[in-house]
Amino acid sequence: ERRRATVMAPVSYTHLRAHETDSYLVC
């Protein structure tokens, strides 16, 4: 949990799904 918080900051899945263009970053 501690390391995960560092790795995952600061982008949310919702933000990425809202930008499913050429990068298509479904997690």
mmCIF file of all heavy atoms, coordinates in Angstrom:
data_MODEL
# 
_entry.id   MODEL 
# 
loop_
_atom_site.group_PDB 
_atom_site.id 
_atom_site.type_symbol 
_atom_site.label_atom_id 
_atom_site.label_alt_id 
_atom_site.label_comp_id 
_atom_site.label_asym_id 
_atom_site.label_entity_id 
_atom_site.label_seq_id 
_atom_site.pdbx_PDB_ins_code 
_atom_site.Cartn_x 
_atom_site.Cartn_y 
_atom_site.Cartn_z 
_atom_site.occupancy 
_atom_site.B_iso_or_equiv 
_atom_site.pdbx_formal_charge 
_atom_site.auth_seq_id 
_atom_site.auth_comp_id 
_atom_site.auth_asym_id 
_atom_site.auth_atom_id 
_atom_site.pdbx_PDB_model_num 
ATOM 1   N N   . GLU A 1 1  ? 0.820   -1.208 0.000   1.00 0.00 ? 1  GLU A N   1 
ATOM 2   C CA  . GLU A 1 1  ? 0.000   0.000  0.000   1.00 0.00 ? 1  GLU A CA  1 
ATOM 3   C C   . GLU A 1 1  ? 0.858   1.264  0.000   1.00 0.00 ? 1  GLU A C   1 
ATOM 4   O O   . GLU A 1 1  ? 0.532   2.243  -0.671  1.00 0.00 ? 1  GLU A O   1 
ATOM 5   C CB  . GLU A 1 1  ? -0.927  -0.009 1.223   1.00 0.00 ? 1  GLU A CB  1 
ATOM 6   C CG  . GLU A 1 1  ? -2.066  -0.994 1.130   1.00 0.00 ? 1  GLU A CG  1 
ATOM 7   C CD  . GLU A 1 1  ? -2.934  -0.770 -0.096  1.00 0.00 ? 1  GLU A CD  1 
ATOM 8   O OE1 . GLU A 1 1  ? -3.210  0.412  -0.408  1.00 0.00 ? 1  GLU A OE1 1 
ATOM 9   O OE2 . GLU A 1 1  ? -3.316  -1.747 -0.745  1.00 0.00 ? 1  GLU A OE2 1 
ATOM 10  N N   . ARG A 1 2  ? 1.956   1.255  0.718   1.00 0.00 ? 2  ARG A N   1 
ATOM 11  C CA  . ARG A 1 2  ? 2.769   2.463  0.800   1.00 0.00 ? 2  ARG A CA  1 
ATOM 12  C C   . ARG A 1 2  ? 3.451   2.760  -0.531  1.00 0.00 ? 2  ARG A C   1 
ATOM 13  O O   . ARG A 1 2  ? 3.415   3.886  -1.022  1.00 0.00 ? 2  ARG A O   1 
ATOM 14  C CB  . ARG A 1 2  ? 3.825   2.302  1.899   1.00 0.00 ? 2  ARG A CB  1 
ATOM 15  C CG  . ARG A 1 2  ? 4.579   3.595  2.181   1.00 0.00 ? 2  ARG A CG  1 
ATOM 16  C CD  . ARG A 1 2  ? 5.537   3.443  3.340   1.00 0.00 ? 2  ARG A CD  1 
ATOM 17  N NE  . ARG A 1 2  ? 6.614   2.499  3.018   1.00 0.00 ? 2  ARG A NE  1 
ATOM 18  C CZ  . ARG A 1 2  ? 7.611   2.232  3.842   1.00 0.00 ? 2  ARG A CZ  1 
ATOM 19  N NH1 . ARG A 1 2  ? 7.644   2.767  5.044   1.00 0.00 ? 2  ARG A NH1 1 
ATOM 20  N NH2 . ARG A 1 2  ? 8.563   1.391  3.490   1.00 0.00 ? 2  ARG A NH2 1 
ATOM 21  N N   . ARG A 1 3  ? 4.058   1.739  -1.132  1.00 0.00 ? 3  ARG A N   1 
ATOM 22  C CA  . ARG A 1 3  ? 4.736   1.944  -2.404  1.00 0.00 ? 3  ARG A CA  1 
ATOM 23  C C   . ARG A 1 3  ? 3.726   2.203  -3.512  1.00 0.00 ? 3  ARG A C   1 
ATOM 24  O O   . ARG A 1 3  ? 3.982   2.966  -4.440  1.00 0.00 ? 3  ARG A O   1 
ATOM 25  C CB  . ARG A 1 3  ? 5.582   0.719  -2.743  1.00 0.00 ? 3  ARG A CB  1 
ATOM 26  C CG  . ARG A 1 3  ? 6.709   0.475  -1.760  1.00 0.00 ? 3  ARG A CG  1 
ATOM 27  C CD  . ARG A 1 3  ? 7.532   -0.713 -2.165  1.00 0.00 ? 3  ARG A CD  1 
ATOM 28  N NE  . ARG A 1 3  ? 8.514   -1.047 -1.151  1.00 0.00 ? 3  ARG A NE  1 
ATOM 29  C CZ  . ARG A 1 3  ? 9.365   -2.055 -1.250  1.00 0.00 ? 3  ARG A CZ  1 
ATOM 30  N NH1 . ARG A 1 3  ? 9.349   -2.808 -2.321  1.00 0.00 ? 3  ARG A NH1 1 
ATOM 31  N NH2 . ARG A 1 3  ? 10.218  -2.305 -0.285  1.00 0.00 ? 3  ARG A NH2 1 
ATOM 32  N N   . ARG A 1 4  ? 2.589   1.543  -3.402  1.00 0.00 ? 4  ARG A N   1 
ATOM 33  C CA  . ARG A 1 4  ? 1.559   1.700  -4.422  1.00 0.00 ? 4  ARG A CA  1 
ATOM 34  C C   . ARG A 1 4  ? 1.087   3.142  -4.505  1.00 0.00 ? 4  ARG A C   1 
ATOM 35  O O   . ARG A 1 4  ? 0.813   3.657  -5.587  1.00 0.00 ? 4  ARG A O   1 
ATOM 36  C CB  . ARG A 1 4  ? 0.395   0.775  -4.085  1.00 0.00 ? 4  ARG A CB  1 
ATOM 37  C CG  . ARG A 1 4  ? -0.728  0.757  -5.105  1.00 0.00 ? 4  ARG A CG  1 
ATOM 38  C CD  . ARG A 1 4  ? -1.789  -0.211 -4.635  1.00 0.00 ? 4  ARG A CD  1 
ATOM 39  N NE  . ARG A 1 4  ? -2.927  -0.212 -5.515  1.00 0.00 ? 4  ARG A NE  1 
ATOM 40  C CZ  . ARG A 1 4  ? -4.069  -0.818 -5.243  1.00 0.00 ? 4  ARG A CZ  1 
ATOM 41  N NH1 . ARG A 1 4  ? -4.186  -1.479 -4.113  1.00 0.00 ? 4  ARG A NH1 1 
ATOM 42  N NH2 . ARG A 1 4  ? -5.073  -0.777 -6.077  1.00 0.00 ? 4  ARG A NH2 1 
ATOM 43  N N   . ALA A 1 5  ? 0.992   3.804  -3.371  1.00 0.00 ? 5  ALA A N   1 
ATOM 44  C CA  . ALA A 1 5  ? 0.558   5.199  -3.359  1.00 0.00 ? 5  ALA A CA  1 
ATOM 45  C C   . ALA A 1 5  ? 1.515   6.076  -4.160  1.00 0.00 ? 5  ALA A C   1 
ATOM 46  O O   . ALA A 1 5  ? 1.104   7.010  -4.851  1.00 0.00 ? 5  ALA A O   1 
ATOM 47  C CB  . ALA A 1 5  ? 0.460   5.701  -1.921  1.00 0.00 ? 5  ALA A CB  1 
ATOM 48  N N   . THR A 1 6  ? 2.803   5.767  -4.089  1.00 0.00 ? 6  THR A N   1 
ATOM 49  C CA  . THR A 1 6  ? 3.795   6.536  -4.833  1.00 0.00 ? 6  THR A CA  1 
ATOM 50  C C   . THR A 1 6  ? 3.707   6.249  -6.320  1.00 0.00 ? 6  THR A C   1 
ATOM 51  O O   . THR A 1 6  ? 3.754   7.145  -7.156  1.00 0.00 ? 6  THR A O   1 
ATOM 52  C CB  . THR A 1 6  ? 5.212   6.201  -4.326  1.00 0.00 ? 6  THR A CB  1 
ATOM 53  O OG1 . THR A 1 6  ? 5.279   6.480  -2.933  1.00 0.00 ? 6  THR A OG1 1 
ATOM 54  C CG2 . THR A 1 6  ? 6.252   7.024  -5.053  1.00 0.00 ? 6  THR A CG2 1 
ATOM 55  N N   . VAL A 1 7  ? 3.560   4.966  -6.663  1.00 0.00 ? 7  VAL A N   1 
ATOM 56  C CA  . VAL A 1 7  ? 3.540   4.573  -8.062  1.00 0.00 ? 7  VAL A CA  1 
ATOM 57  C C   . VAL A 1 7  ? 2.305   5.109  -8.781  1.00 0.00 ? 7  VAL A C   1 
ATOM 58  O O   . VAL A 1 7  ? 2.367   5.544  -9.929  1.00 0.00 ? 7  VAL A O   1 
ATOM 59  C CB  . VAL A 1 7  ? 3.580   3.029  -8.182  1.00 0.00 ? 7  VAL A CB  1 
ATOM 60  C CG1 . VAL A 1 7  ? 3.397   2.601  -9.626  1.00 0.00 ? 7  VAL A CG1 1 
ATOM 61  C CG2 . VAL A 1 7  ? 4.895   2.502  -7.642  1.00 0.00 ? 7  VAL A CG2 1 
ATOM 62  N N   . MET A 1 8  ? 1.162   5.098  -8.096  1.00 0.00 ? 8  MET A N   1 
ATOM 63  C CA  . MET A 1 8  ? -0.099  5.408  -8.759  1.00 0.00 ? 8  MET A CA  1 
ATOM 64  C C   . MET A 1 8  ? -0.416  6.896  -8.822  1.00 0.00 ? 8  MET A C   1 
ATOM 65  O O   . MET A 1 8  ? -1.291  7.303  -9.571  1.00 0.00 ? 8  MET A O   1 
ATOM 66  C CB  . MET A 1 8  ? -1.244  4.670  -8.058  1.00 0.00 ? 8  MET A CB  1 
ATOM 67  C CG  . MET A 1 8  ? -1.129  3.171  -8.140  1.00 0.00 ? 8  MET A CG  1 
ATOM 68  S SD  . MET A 1 8  ? -2.495  2.318  -7.347  1.00 0.00 ? 8  MET A SD  1 
ATOM 69  C CE  . MET A 1 8  ? -3.835  2.716  -8.457  1.00 0.00 ? 8  MET A CE  1 
ATOM 70  N N   . ALA A 1 9  ? 0.233   7.728  -8.038  1.00 0.00 ? 9  ALA A N   1 
ATOM 71  C CA  . ALA A 1 9  ? -0.062  9.153  -8.053  1.00 0.00 ? 9  ALA A CA  1 
ATOM 72  C C   . ALA A 1 9  ? 0.379   9.766  -9.379  1.00 0.00 ? 9  ALA A C   1 
ATOM 73  O O   . ALA A 1 9  ? 1.350   9.345  -9.969  1.00 0.00 ? 9  ALA A O   1 
ATOM 74  C CB  . ALA A 1 9  ? 0.656   9.834  -6.893  1.00 0.00 ? 9  ALA A CB  1 
ATOM 75  N N   . PRO A 1 10 ? -0.313  10.805 -9.878  1.00 0.00 ? 10 PRO A N   1 
ATOM 76  C CA  . PRO A 1 10 ? -1.537  11.368 -9.347  1.00 0.00 ? 10 PRO A CA  1 
ATOM 77  C C   . PRO A 1 10 ? -2.721  11.160 -10.292 1.00 0.00 ? 10 PRO A C   1 
ATOM 78  O O   . PRO A 1 10 ? -3.710  11.847 -10.196 1.00 0.00 ? 10 PRO A O   1 
ATOM 79  C CB  . PRO A 1 10 ? -1.180  12.842 -9.256  1.00 0.00 ? 10 PRO A CB  1 
ATOM 80  C CG  . PRO A 1 10 ? -0.352  13.054 -10.495 1.00 0.00 ? 10 PRO A CG  1 
ATOM 81  C CD  . PRO A 1 10 ? 0.371   11.748 -10.760 1.00 0.00 ? 10 PRO A CD  1 
ATOM 82  N N   . VAL A 1 11 ? -2.596  10.238 -11.272 1.00 0.00 ? 11 VAL A N   1 
ATOM 83  C CA  . VAL A 1 11 ? -3.606  10.118 -12.320 1.00 0.00 ? 11 VAL A CA  1 
ATOM 84  C C   . VAL A 1 11 ? -4.664  9.100  -11.939 1.00 0.00 ? 11 VAL A C   1 
ATOM 85  O O   . VAL A 1 11 ? -4.359  8.039  -11.417 1.00 0.00 ? 11 VAL A O   1 
ATOM 86  C CB  . VAL A 1 11 ? -2.929  9.693  -13.648 1.00 0.00 ? 11 VAL A CB  1 
ATOM 87  C CG1 . VAL A 1 11 ? -3.960  9.585  -14.753 1.00 0.00 ? 11 VAL A CG1 1 
ATOM 88  C CG2 . VAL A 1 11 ? -1.868  10.714 -14.014 1.00 0.00 ? 11 VAL A CG2 1 
ATOM 89  N N   . SER A 1 12 ? -5.919  9.410  -12.205 1.00 0.00 ? 12 SER A N   1 
ATOM 90  C CA  . SER A 1 12 ? -7.015  8.490  -11.895 1.00 0.00 ? 12 SER A CA  1 
ATOM 91  C C   . SER A 1 12 ? -7.417  7.711  -13.135 1.00 0.00 ? 12 SER A C   1 
ATOM 92  O O   . SER A 1 12 ? -7.185  8.138  -14.264 1.00 0.00 ? 12 SER A O   1 
ATOM 93  C CB  . SER A 1 12 ? -8.224  9.271  -11.375 1.00 0.00 ? 12 SER A CB  1 
ATOM 94  O OG  . SER A 1 12 ? -8.777  10.067 -12.409 1.00 0.00 ? 12 SER A OG  1 
ATOM 95  N N   . TYR A 1 13 ? -8.048  6.553  -12.940 1.00 0.00 ? 13 TYR A N   1 
ATOM 96  C CA  . TYR A 1 13 ? -8.532  5.764  -14.062 1.00 0.00 ? 13 TYR A CA  1 
ATOM 97  C C   . TYR A 1 13 ? -9.573  6.549  -14.866 1.00 0.00 ? 13 TYR A C   1 
ATOM 98  O O   . TYR A 1 13 ? -9.625  6.475  -16.073 1.00 0.00 ? 13 TYR A O   1 
ATOM 99  C CB  . TYR A 1 13 ? -9.167  4.468  -13.559 1.00 0.00 ? 13 TYR A CB  1 
ATOM 100 C CG  . TYR A 1 13 ? -8.224  3.542  -12.852 1.00 0.00 ? 13 TYR A CG  1 
ATOM 101 C CD1 . TYR A 1 13 ? -8.697  2.553  -12.010 1.00 0.00 ? 13 TYR A CD1 1 
ATOM 102 C CD2 . TYR A 1 13 ? -6.844  3.660  -13.022 1.00 0.00 ? 13 TYR A CD2 1 
ATOM 103 C CE1 . TYR A 1 13 ? -7.818  1.694  -11.359 1.00 0.00 ? 13 TYR A CE1 1 
ATOM 104 C CE2 . TYR A 1 13 ? -5.969  2.810  -12.374 1.00 0.00 ? 13 TYR A CE2 1 
ATOM 105 C CZ  . TYR A 1 13 ? -6.461  1.826  -11.543 1.00 0.00 ? 13 TYR A CZ  1 
ATOM 106 O OH  . TYR A 1 13 ? -5.612  0.975  -10.895 1.00 0.00 ? 13 TYR A OH  1 
ATOM 107 N N   . THR A 1 14 ? -10.406 7.299  -14.166 1.00 0.00 ? 14 THR A N   1 
ATOM 108 C CA  . THR A 1 14 ? -11.447 8.073  -14.842 1.00 0.00 ? 14 THR A CA  1 
ATOM 109 C C   . THR A 1 14 ? -10.837 9.056  -15.816 1.00 0.00 ? 14 THR A C   1 
ATOM 110 O O   . THR A 1 14 ? -11.305 9.225  -16.940 1.00 0.00 ? 14 THR A O   1 
ATOM 111 C CB  . THR A 1 14 ? -12.301 8.832  -13.806 1.00 0.00 ? 14 THR A CB  1 
ATOM 112 O OG1 . THR A 1 14 ? -12.835 7.898  -12.874 1.00 0.00 ? 14 THR A OG1 1 
ATOM 113 C CG2 . THR A 1 14 ? -13.417 9.586  -14.504 1.00 0.00 ? 14 THR A CG2 1 
ATOM 114 N N   . HIS A 1 15 ? -9.746  9.714  -15.383 1.00 0.00 ? 15 HIS A N   1 
ATOM 115 C CA  . HIS A 1 15 ? -9.072  10.674 -16.252 1.00 0.00 ? 15 HIS A CA  1 
ATOM 116 C C   . HIS A 1 15 ? -8.577  9.993  -17.513 1.00 0.00 ? 15 HIS A C   1 
ATOM 117 O O   . HIS A 1 15 ? -8.731  10.510 -18.619 1.00 0.00 ? 15 HIS A O   1 
ATOM 118 C CB  . HIS A 1 15 ? -7.892  11.307 -15.504 1.00 0.00 ? 15 HIS A CB  1 
ATOM 119 C CG  . HIS A 1 15 ? -6.977  12.090 -16.396 1.00 0.00 ? 15 HIS A CG  1 
ATOM 120 N ND1 . HIS A 1 15 ? -7.303  13.325 -16.884 1.00 0.00 ? 15 HIS A ND1 1 
ATOM 121 C CD2 . HIS A 1 15 ? -5.748  11.796 -16.897 1.00 0.00 ? 15 HIS A CD2 1 
ATOM 122 C CE1 . HIS A 1 15 ? -6.316  13.774 -17.638 1.00 0.00 ? 15 HIS A CE1 1 
ATOM 123 N NE2 . HIS A 1 15 ? -5.356  12.861 -17.664 1.00 0.00 ? 15 HIS A NE2 1 
ATOM 124 N N   . LEU A 1 16 ? -8.012  8.797  -17.374 1.00 0.00 ? 16 LEU A N   1 
ATOM 125 C CA  . LEU A 1 16 ? -7.450  8.122  -18.533 1.00 0.00 ? 16 LEU A CA  1 
ATOM 126 C C   . LEU A 1 16 ? -8.544  7.614  -19.454 1.00 0.00 ? 16 LEU A C   1 
ATOM 127 O O   . LEU A 1 16 ? -8.421  7.691  -20.663 1.00 0.00 ? 16 LEU A O   1 
ATOM 128 C CB  . LEU A 1 16 ? -6.567  6.959  -18.079 1.00 0.00 ? 16 LEU A CB  1 
ATOM 129 C CG  . LEU A 1 16 ? -5.247  7.383  -17.440 1.00 0.00 ? 16 LEU A CG  1 
ATOM 130 C CD1 . LEU A 1 16 ? -4.515  6.162  -16.896 1.00 0.00 ? 16 LEU A CD1 1 
ATOM 131 C CD2 . LEU A 1 16 ? -4.369  8.094  -18.454 1.00 0.00 ? 16 LEU A CD2 1 
ATOM 132 N N   . ARG A 1 17 ? -9.628  7.111  -18.900 1.00 0.00 ? 17 ARG A N   1 
ATOM 133 C CA  . ARG A 1 17 ? -10.700 6.619  -19.758 1.00 0.00 ? 17 ARG A CA  1 
ATOM 134 C C   . ARG A 1 17 ? -11.354 7.766  -20.531 1.00 0.00 ? 17 ARG A C   1 
ATOM 135 O O   . ARG A 1 17 ? -11.948 7.563  -21.580 1.00 0.00 ? 17 ARG A O   1 
ATOM 136 C CB  . ARG A 1 17 ? -11.748 5.886  -18.911 1.00 0.00 ? 17 ARG A CB  1 
ATOM 137 C CG  . ARG A 1 17 ? -11.242 4.566  -18.340 1.00 0.00 ? 17 ARG A CG  1 
ATOM 138 C CD  . ARG A 1 17 ? -12.401 3.713  -17.856 1.00 0.00 ? 17 ARG A CD  1 
ATOM 139 N NE  . ARG A 1 17 ? -11.922 2.437  -17.326 1.00 0.00 ? 17 ARG A NE  1 
ATOM 140 C CZ  . ARG A 1 17 ? -11.787 2.176  -16.045 1.00 0.00 ? 17 ARG A CZ  1 
ATOM 141 N NH1 . ARG A 1 17 ? -12.089 3.101  -15.149 1.00 0.00 ? 17 ARG A NH1 1 
ATOM 142 N NH2 . ARG A 1 17 ? -11.340 1.007  -15.639 1.00 0.00 ? 17 ARG A NH2 1 
ATOM 143 N N   . ALA A 1 18 ? -11.230 8.960  -20.007 1.00 0.00 ? 18 ALA A N   1 
ATOM 144 C CA  . ALA A 1 18 ? -11.790 10.115 -20.698 1.00 0.00 ? 18 ALA A CA  1 
ATOM 145 C C   . ALA A 1 18 ? -10.925 10.537 -21.872 1.00 0.00 ? 18 ALA A C   1 
ATOM 146 O O   . ALA A 1 18 ? -11.309 11.372 -22.662 1.00 0.00 ? 18 ALA A O   1 
ATOM 147 C CB  . ALA A 1 18 ? -11.934 11.286 -19.726 1.00 0.00 ? 18 ALA A CB  1 
ATOM 148 N N   . HIS A 1 19 ? -9.723  9.932  -21.985 1.00 0.00 ? 19 HIS A N   1 
ATOM 149 C CA  . HIS A 1 19 ? -8.800  10.283 -23.060 1.00 0.00 ? 19 HIS A CA  1 
ATOM 150 C C   . HIS A 1 19 ? -8.428  9.044  -23.864 1.00 0.00 ? 19 HIS A C   1 
ATOM 151 O O   . HIS A 1 19 ? -7.275  8.825  -24.191 1.00 0.00 ? 19 HIS A O   1 
ATOM 152 C CB  . HIS A 1 19 ? -7.537  10.934 -22.490 1.00 0.00 ? 19 HIS A CB  1 
ATOM 153 C CG  . HIS A 1 19 ? -7.795  12.279 -21.874 1.00 0.00 ? 19 HIS A CG  1 
ATOM 154 N ND1 . HIS A 1 19 ? -8.339  12.410 -20.610 1.00 0.00 ? 19 HIS A ND1 1 
ATOM 155 C CD2 . HIS A 1 19 ? -7.609  13.530 -22.347 1.00 0.00 ? 19 HIS A CD2 1 
ATOM 156 C CE1 . HIS A 1 19 ? -8.450  13.708 -20.329 1.00 0.00 ? 19 HIS A CE1 1 
ATOM 157 N NE2 . HIS A 1 19 ? -8.008  14.395 -21.359 1.00 0.00 ? 19 HIS A NE2 1 
ATOM 158 N N   . GLU A 1 20 ? -9.392  8.215  -24.206 1.00 0.00 ? 20 GLU A N   1 
ATOM 159 C CA  . GLU A 1 20 ? -9.125  7.007  -24.972 1.00 0.00 ? 20 GLU A CA  1 
ATOM 160 C C   . GLU A 1 20 ? -9.016  7.359  -26.454 1.00 0.00 ? 20 GLU A C   1 
ATOM 161 O O   . GLU A 1 20 ? -9.891  7.084  -27.255 1.00 0.00 ? 20 GLU A O   1 
ATOM 162 C CB  . GLU A 1 20 ? -10.213 5.970  -24.743 1.00 0.00 ? 20 GLU A CB  1 
ATOM 163 C CG  . GLU A 1 20 ? -10.201 5.374  -23.346 1.00 0.00 ? 20 GLU A CG  1 
ATOM 164 C CD  . GLU A 1 20 ? -11.351 4.420  -23.133 1.00 0.00 ? 20 GLU A CD  1 
ATOM 165 O OE1 . GLU A 1 20 ? -12.091 4.186  -24.106 1.00 0.00 ? 20 GLU A OE1 1 
ATOM 166 O OE2 . GLU A 1 20 ? -11.531 3.941  -22.016 1.00 0.00 ? 20 GLU A OE2 1 
ATOM 167 N N   . THR A 1 21 ? -7.907  7.981  -26.793 1.00 0.00 ? 21 THR A N   1 
ATOM 168 C CA  . THR A 1 21 ? -7.646  8.301  -28.195 1.00 0.00 ? 21 THR A CA  1 
ATOM 169 C C   . THR A 1 21 ? -6.575  7.348  -28.676 1.00 0.00 ? 21 THR A C   1 
ATOM 170 O O   . THR A 1 21 ? -6.683  6.150  -28.495 1.00 0.00 ? 21 THR A O   1 
ATOM 171 C CB  . THR A 1 21 ? -7.215  9.765  -28.322 1.00 0.00 ? 21 THR A CB  1 
ATOM 172 O OG1 . THR A 1 21 ? -6.092  9.994  -27.452 1.00 0.00 ? 21 THR A OG1 1 
ATOM 173 C CG2 . THR A 1 21 ? -8.337  10.689 -27.899 1.00 0.00 ? 21 THR A CG2 1 
ATOM 174 N N   . ASP A 1 22 ? -5.519  7.866  -29.280 1.00 0.00 ? 22 ASP A N   1 
ATOM 175 C CA  . ASP A 1 22 ? -4.468  6.991  -29.780 1.00 0.00 ? 22 ASP A CA  1 
ATOM 176 C C   . ASP A 1 22 ? -3.720  6.304  -28.657 1.00 0.00 ? 22 ASP A C   1 
ATOM 177 O O   . ASP A 1 22 ? -3.212  5.208  -28.823 1.00 0.00 ? 22 ASP A O   1 
ATOM 178 C CB  . ASP A 1 22 ? -3.481  7.789  -30.641 1.00 0.00 ? 22 ASP A CB  1 
ATOM 179 C CG  . ASP A 1 22 ? -4.104  8.192  -31.962 1.00 0.00 ? 22 ASP A CG  1 
ATOM 180 O OD1 . ASP A 1 22 ? -5.121  7.580  -32.320 1.00 0.00 ? 22 ASP A OD1 1 
ATOM 181 O OD2 . ASP A 1 22 ? -3.577  9.093  -32.609 1.00 0.00 ? 22 ASP A OD2 1 
ATOM 182 N N   . SER A 1 23 ? -3.630  6.946  -27.489 1.00 0.00 ? 23 SER A N   1 
ATOM 183 C CA  . SER A 1 23 ? -2.878  6.312  -26.400 1.00 0.00 ? 23 SER A CA  1 
ATOM 184 C C   . SER A 1 23 ? -3.647  5.164  -25.774 1.00 0.00 ? 23 SER A C   1 
ATOM 185 O O   . SER A 1 23 ? -3.064  4.221  -25.282 1.00 0.00 ? 23 SER A O   1 
ATOM 186 C CB  . SER A 1 23 ? -2.535  7.348  -25.321 1.00 0.00 ? 23 SER A CB  1 
ATOM 187 O OG  . SER A 1 23 ? -3.702  7.937  -24.811 1.00 0.00 ? 23 SER A OG  1 
ATOM 188 N N   . TYR A 1 24 ? -4.978  5.231  -25.751 1.00 0.00 ? 24 TYR A N   1 
ATOM 189 C CA  . TYR A 1 24 ? -5.872  4.153  -25.326 1.00 0.00 ? 24 TYR A CA  1 
ATOM 190 C C   . TYR A 1 24 ? -5.366  3.463  -24.069 1.00 0.00 ? 24 TYR A C   1 
ATOM 191 O O   . TYR A 1 24 ? -4.972  2.305  -24.055 1.00 0.00 ? 24 TYR A O   1 
ATOM 192 C CB  . TYR A 1 24 ? -6.025  3.115  -26.437 1.00 0.00 ? 24 TYR A CB  1 
ATOM 193 C CG  . TYR A 1 24 ? -7.240  2.222  -26.217 1.00 0.00 ? 24 TYR A CG  1 
ATOM 194 C CD1 . TYR A 1 24 ? -8.493  2.611  -26.638 1.00 0.00 ? 24 TYR A CD1 1 
ATOM 195 C CD2 . TYR A 1 24 ? -7.098  0.999  -25.552 1.00 0.00 ? 24 TYR A CD2 1 
ATOM 196 C CE1 . TYR A 1 24 ? -9.607  1.789  -26.414 1.00 0.00 ? 24 TYR A CE1 1 
ATOM 197 C CE2 . TYR A 1 24 ? -8.194  0.185  -25.324 1.00 0.00 ? 24 TYR A CE2 1 
ATOM 198 C CZ  . TYR A 1 24 ? -9.446  0.579  -25.772 1.00 0.00 ? 24 TYR A CZ  1 
ATOM 199 O OH  . TYR A 1 24 ? -10.531 -0.212 -25.545 1.00 0.00 ? 24 TYR A OH  1 
ATOM 200 N N   . LEU A 1 25 ? -5.391  4.176  -22.979 1.00 0.00 ? 25 LEU A N   1 
ATOM 201 C CA  . LEU A 1 25 ? -4.863  3.638  -21.743 1.00 0.00 ? 25 LEU A CA  1 
ATOM 202 C C   . LEU A 1 25 ? -5.951  3.140  -20.812 1.00 0.00 ? 25 LEU A C   1 
ATOM 203 O O   . LEU A 1 25 ? -6.207  3.686  -19.769 1.00 0.00 ? 25 LEU A O   1 
ATOM 204 C CB  . LEU A 1 25 ? -4.012  4.690  -21.032 1.00 0.00 ? 25 LEU A CB  1 
ATOM 205 C CG  . LEU A 1 25 ? -2.625  4.862  -21.593 1.00 0.00 ? 25 LEU A CG  1 
ATOM 206 C CD1 . LEU A 1 25 ? -1.916  5.991  -20.885 1.00 0.00 ? 25 LEU A CD1 1 
ATOM 207 C CD2 . LEU A 1 25 ? -1.825  3.590  -21.435 1.00 0.00 ? 25 LEU A CD2 1 
ATOM 208 N N   . VAL A 1 26 ? -6.657  2.102  -21.236 1.00 0.00 ? 26 VAL A N   1 
ATOM 209 C CA  . VAL A 1 26 ? -7.538  1.402  -20.301 1.00 0.00 ? 26 VAL A CA  1 
ATOM 210 C C   . VAL A 1 26 ? -6.621  0.613  -19.378 1.00 0.00 ? 26 VAL A C   1 
ATOM 211 O O   . VAL A 1 26 ? -5.707  -0.069 -19.816 1.00 0.00 ? 26 VAL A O   1 
ATOM 212 C CB  . VAL A 1 26 ? -8.485  0.449  -21.043 1.00 0.00 ? 26 VAL A CB  1 
ATOM 213 C CG1 . VAL A 1 26 ? -9.294  -0.370 -20.052 1.00 0.00 ? 26 VAL A CG1 1 
ATOM 214 C CG2 . VAL A 1 26 ? -9.423  1.246  -21.938 1.00 0.00 ? 26 VAL A CG2 1 
ATOM 215 N N   . CYS A 1 27 ? -6.882  0.708  -18.085 1.00 0.00 ? 27 CYS A N   1 
ATOM 216 C CA  . CYS A 1 27 ? -5.897  0.203  -17.130 1.00 0.00 ? 27 CYS A CA  1 
ATOM 217 C C   . CYS A 1 27 ? -5.957  -1.291 -16.902 1.00 0.00 ? 27 CYS A C   1 
ATOM 218 O O   . CYS A 1 27 ? -5.180  -1.829 -16.133 1.00 0.00 ? 27 CYS A O   1 
ATOM 219 C CB  . CYS A 1 27 ? -6.044  0.936  -15.794 1.00 0.00 ? 27 CYS A CB  1 
ATOM 220 S SG  . CYS A 1 27 ? -5.727  2.693  -15.969 1.00 0.00 ? 27 CYS A SG  1 
# 
